[in-house]
Protein backbone atom coordinates (compact mmCIF):
# COMPACT_ATOMS: atom_id res chain seq x y z
CA MET A 1 6.80 -16.64 22.35
CA LEU A 2 7.32 -19.69 20.16
CA PHE A 3 5.49 -18.10 17.22
CA ARG A 4 7.56 -14.93 17.53
CA LYS A 5 10.83 -16.92 17.54
CA ALA A 6 9.78 -18.80 14.41
CA ALA A 7 8.94 -15.51 12.68
CA GLN A 8 12.32 -14.10 13.77
CA ARG A 9 14.07 -17.09 12.17
CA ALA A 10 12.18 -16.27 8.97
CA GLN A 11 13.77 -12.81 9.17
CA VAL A 12 10.58 -10.83 9.67
CA HIS A 13 11.41 -7.25 10.68
CA PRO A 14 11.27 -6.71 14.49
CA VAL A 15 8.76 -3.87 14.11
CA TYR A 16 6.22 -6.31 12.65
CA LEU A 17 6.99 -8.78 15.43
CA ASP A 18 6.57 -6.19 18.18
CA GLU A 19 3.27 -5.04 16.74
CA ILE A 20 1.71 -8.49 16.43
CA SER A 21 3.14 -9.69 19.76
CA GLY A 22 1.65 -6.71 21.56
CA LYS A 23 -1.75 -7.22 20.00
CA MET A 24 -1.74 -10.95 20.75
CA ALA A 25 -0.75 -10.28 24.39
CA VAL A 26 -3.73 -7.95 24.80
CA ARG A 27 -6.05 -10.55 23.27
CA ILE A 28 -4.65 -13.31 25.50
CA GLU A 29 -5.18 -11.16 28.60
CA ALA A 30 -8.78 -10.58 27.55
CA LEU A 31 -9.63 -14.30 27.45
CA ASN A 32 -12.40 -15.19 29.90
CA SER A 33 -12.08 -18.96 30.03
CA VAL A 34 -9.81 -21.86 29.17
CA SER A 35 -12.29 -22.94 26.50
CA GLN A 36 -11.27 -19.89 24.46
CA VAL A 37 -7.60 -20.94 24.33
CA PRO A 38 -7.75 -23.34 21.33
CA ALA A 39 -9.42 -20.71 19.12
CA MET A 40 -6.85 -18.15 20.24
CA GLN A 41 -4.02 -20.56 19.40
CA ARG A 42 -5.43 -21.11 15.90
CA GLU A 43 -5.75 -17.34 15.42
CA MET A 44 -2.14 -16.80 16.54
CA ILE A 45 -0.85 -19.51 14.19
CA ARG A 46 -2.80 -18.02 11.29
CA ARG A 47 -1.62 -14.46 11.97
CA TYR A 48 2.03 -15.38 12.44
CA CYS A 49 1.99 -17.56 9.30
CA MET A 50 0.47 -14.69 7.31
CA LEU A 51 3.07 -12.34 8.77
CA VAL A 52 5.93 -14.62 7.71
CA ARG A 53 4.41 -15.25 4.29
CA SER A 54 4.04 -11.55 3.52
CA ASN A 55 7.02 -10.03 5.36
CA SER A 56 9.88 -12.50 5.49
CA THR A 57 13.13 -11.26 4.00
CA LYS A 58 14.75 -14.70 4.15
CA GLY A 59 16.16 -15.80 0.83
CA TYR A 60 17.07 -12.28 -0.28
CA SER A 61 20.57 -10.86 -0.40
CA PRO A 62 21.70 -8.68 2.51
CA VAL A 63 21.47 -5.60 0.25
CA ILE A 64 17.84 -6.29 -0.68
CA GLN A 65 16.98 -7.15 2.95
CA GLU A 66 18.41 -3.77 3.95
CA VAL A 67 16.36 -2.00 1.28
CA MET A 68 13.17 -3.83 2.29
CA ASN A 69 13.69 -2.98 5.95
CA TYR A 70 14.52 0.65 5.13
CA ILE A 71 11.32 0.97 3.10
CA PHE A 72 9.24 -0.59 5.86
CA VAL A 73 10.62 1.68 8.58
CA ASN A 74 10.38 4.84 6.45
CA LEU A 75 7.23 4.05 4.45
CA GLU A 76 5.46 7.27 5.39
CA ASP A 77 8.35 9.35 4.00
CA ASP A 78 8.79 10.59 0.45
CA LEU A 79 10.83 7.66 -0.88
CA SER A 80 12.47 7.38 -4.27
CA LEU A 81 15.21 5.27 -5.79
CA GLN A 82 17.54 8.27 -5.50
CA ARG A 83 16.78 8.80 -1.81
CA ILE A 84 16.95 5.13 -0.82
CA ALA A 85 20.25 4.68 -2.67
CA ALA A 86 21.69 7.78 -1.00
CA GLU A 87 20.50 6.75 2.48
CA LEU A 88 22.00 3.29 2.09
CA THR A 89 25.12 4.66 0.31
CA MET A 90 24.54 2.66 -2.85
CA ASN A 91 24.78 3.49 -6.51
CA LYS A 92 21.19 4.01 -7.71
CA SER A 93 21.73 2.18 -11.03
CA TYR A 94 23.23 -0.81 -9.24
CA LEU A 95 20.42 -0.79 -6.69
CA SER A 96 17.76 -0.55 -9.39
CA THR A 97 19.25 -3.44 -11.39
CA LEU A 98 19.81 -5.66 -8.35
CA PHE A 99 16.34 -4.95 -6.99
CA LYS A 100 14.63 -5.79 -10.28
CA LYS A 101 16.71 -8.95 -10.68
CA GLU A 102 16.03 -10.26 -7.17
CA MET A 103 12.49 -9.06 -6.63
CA GLY A 104 11.11 -9.41 -10.16
CA MET A 105 9.68 -5.88 -10.04
CA THR A 106 10.93 -2.33 -9.96
CA LEU A 107 11.62 -0.61 -6.67
CA THR A 108 8.74 1.78 -7.36
CA ASP A 109 6.34 -1.12 -7.92
CA TYR A 110 7.53 -2.75 -4.68
CA LEU A 111 7.19 0.53 -2.81
CA ASN A 112 3.64 1.05 -4.08
CA ARG A 113 2.70 -2.56 -3.30
CA THR A 114 4.11 -2.20 0.23
CA ARG A 115 2.24 1.06 0.75
CA ILE A 116 -1.03 -0.49 -0.35
CA LYS A 117 -0.40 -3.49 1.92
CA ARG A 118 -0.05 -1.07 4.84
CA ALA A 119 -3.19 0.79 3.71
CA ILE A 120 -5.13 -2.47 3.72
CA TYR A 121 -3.83 -3.21 7.20
CA LEU A 122 -4.89 0.27 8.40
CA LEU A 123 -8.29 -0.02 6.75
CA ASN A 124 -8.78 -3.31 8.60
CA THR A 125 -7.58 -2.13 11.99
CA GLU A 126 -8.13 1.63 12.29
CA ASN A 127 -11.11 3.90 11.86
CA MET A 128 -9.31 6.92 10.43
CA PRO A 129 -10.22 8.90 7.32
CA ILE A 130 -8.84 7.54 4.05
CA GLN A 131 -6.87 10.77 3.48
CA GLU A 132 -5.08 10.16 6.78
CA ILE A 133 -4.39 6.53 5.85
CA ALA A 134 -2.90 7.71 2.57
CA GLN A 135 -0.58 10.05 4.46
CA TRP A 136 0.45 7.28 6.89
CA CYS A 137 1.37 5.25 3.81
CA GLY A 138 3.53 8.04 2.39
CA ILE A 139 1.09 9.20 -0.30
CA PRO A 140 -0.34 12.63 0.59
CA ASN A 141 -2.10 12.96 -2.79
CA LEU A 142 -5.47 11.24 -2.31
CA SER A 143 -6.24 10.81 -6.01
CA TYR A 144 -2.83 9.16 -6.62
CA PHE A 145 -3.34 6.96 -3.55
CA THR A 146 -6.77 5.91 -4.82
CA ARG A 147 -5.35 5.17 -8.28
CA ILE A 148 -2.56 2.88 -7.05
CA PHE A 149 -4.87 1.28 -4.46
CA LYS A 150 -7.32 0.42 -7.24
CA LYS A 151 -4.47 -0.87 -9.45
CA GLU A 152 -3.40 -3.29 -6.69
CA THR A 153 -6.82 -4.36 -5.35
CA ASN A 154 -9.30 -3.67 -8.20
CA MET A 155 -11.31 -1.43 -5.88
CA THR A 156 -11.01 2.01 -4.34
CA PRO A 157 -10.11 2.44 -0.66
CA SER A 158 -13.72 3.45 0.02
CA GLN A 159 -15.02 0.32 -1.71
CA TYR A 160 -12.57 -1.80 0.28
CA ARG A 161 -13.68 -0.20 3.56
CA GLU A 162 -17.32 -0.78 2.62
CA MET A 163 -16.55 -4.43 1.84
CA ILE A 164 -14.87 -5.05 5.21
CA THR A 165 -17.52 -3.20 7.21
CA SER A 166 -20.39 -4.97 5.47
CA GLY A 167 -18.92 -8.35 6.39
CA THR A 168 -18.62 -9.61 2.81
CA ARG A 169 -14.90 -10.31 2.97
CA ASP A 170 -13.81 -13.09 0.67
CA GLY A 171 -11.01 -14.36 2.91
CA SER A 172 -8.40 -11.82 1.82
């Protein structure tokens, strides 16, 4: 509960918090002895810190926080600057300029980066076909998904899956 509260103060979206809290509760319930508690505590600290580091919206303007949260919740949809601006009743030119100024990248680059981050998460936690992962990330075109995945990670989704299943992860 303490880790969740700290992540909430860092303005991590509640959906992320619910997901990690649920998974940690299941893992805690599965512990067989008190001797396993310290390792579980370290794992929880590491996971919550990584969650805050990669998903905190603290330090961003309310407009950008709203955009980031909208993207996260609707990531599997067909998102564009036009659609996001319309959904959030903003001028698309204003949104584009503000987003680039605050985030240091275009909205499209952020969207692609966020989609690939979710793909990496799914590749690490689910055993579904890569085509299905692409669709869950809002990219139904597998060749486009593979291209932007490779741009972000320097490997294809298949190569990434092979790396994580072979146990040669380099800490990422």
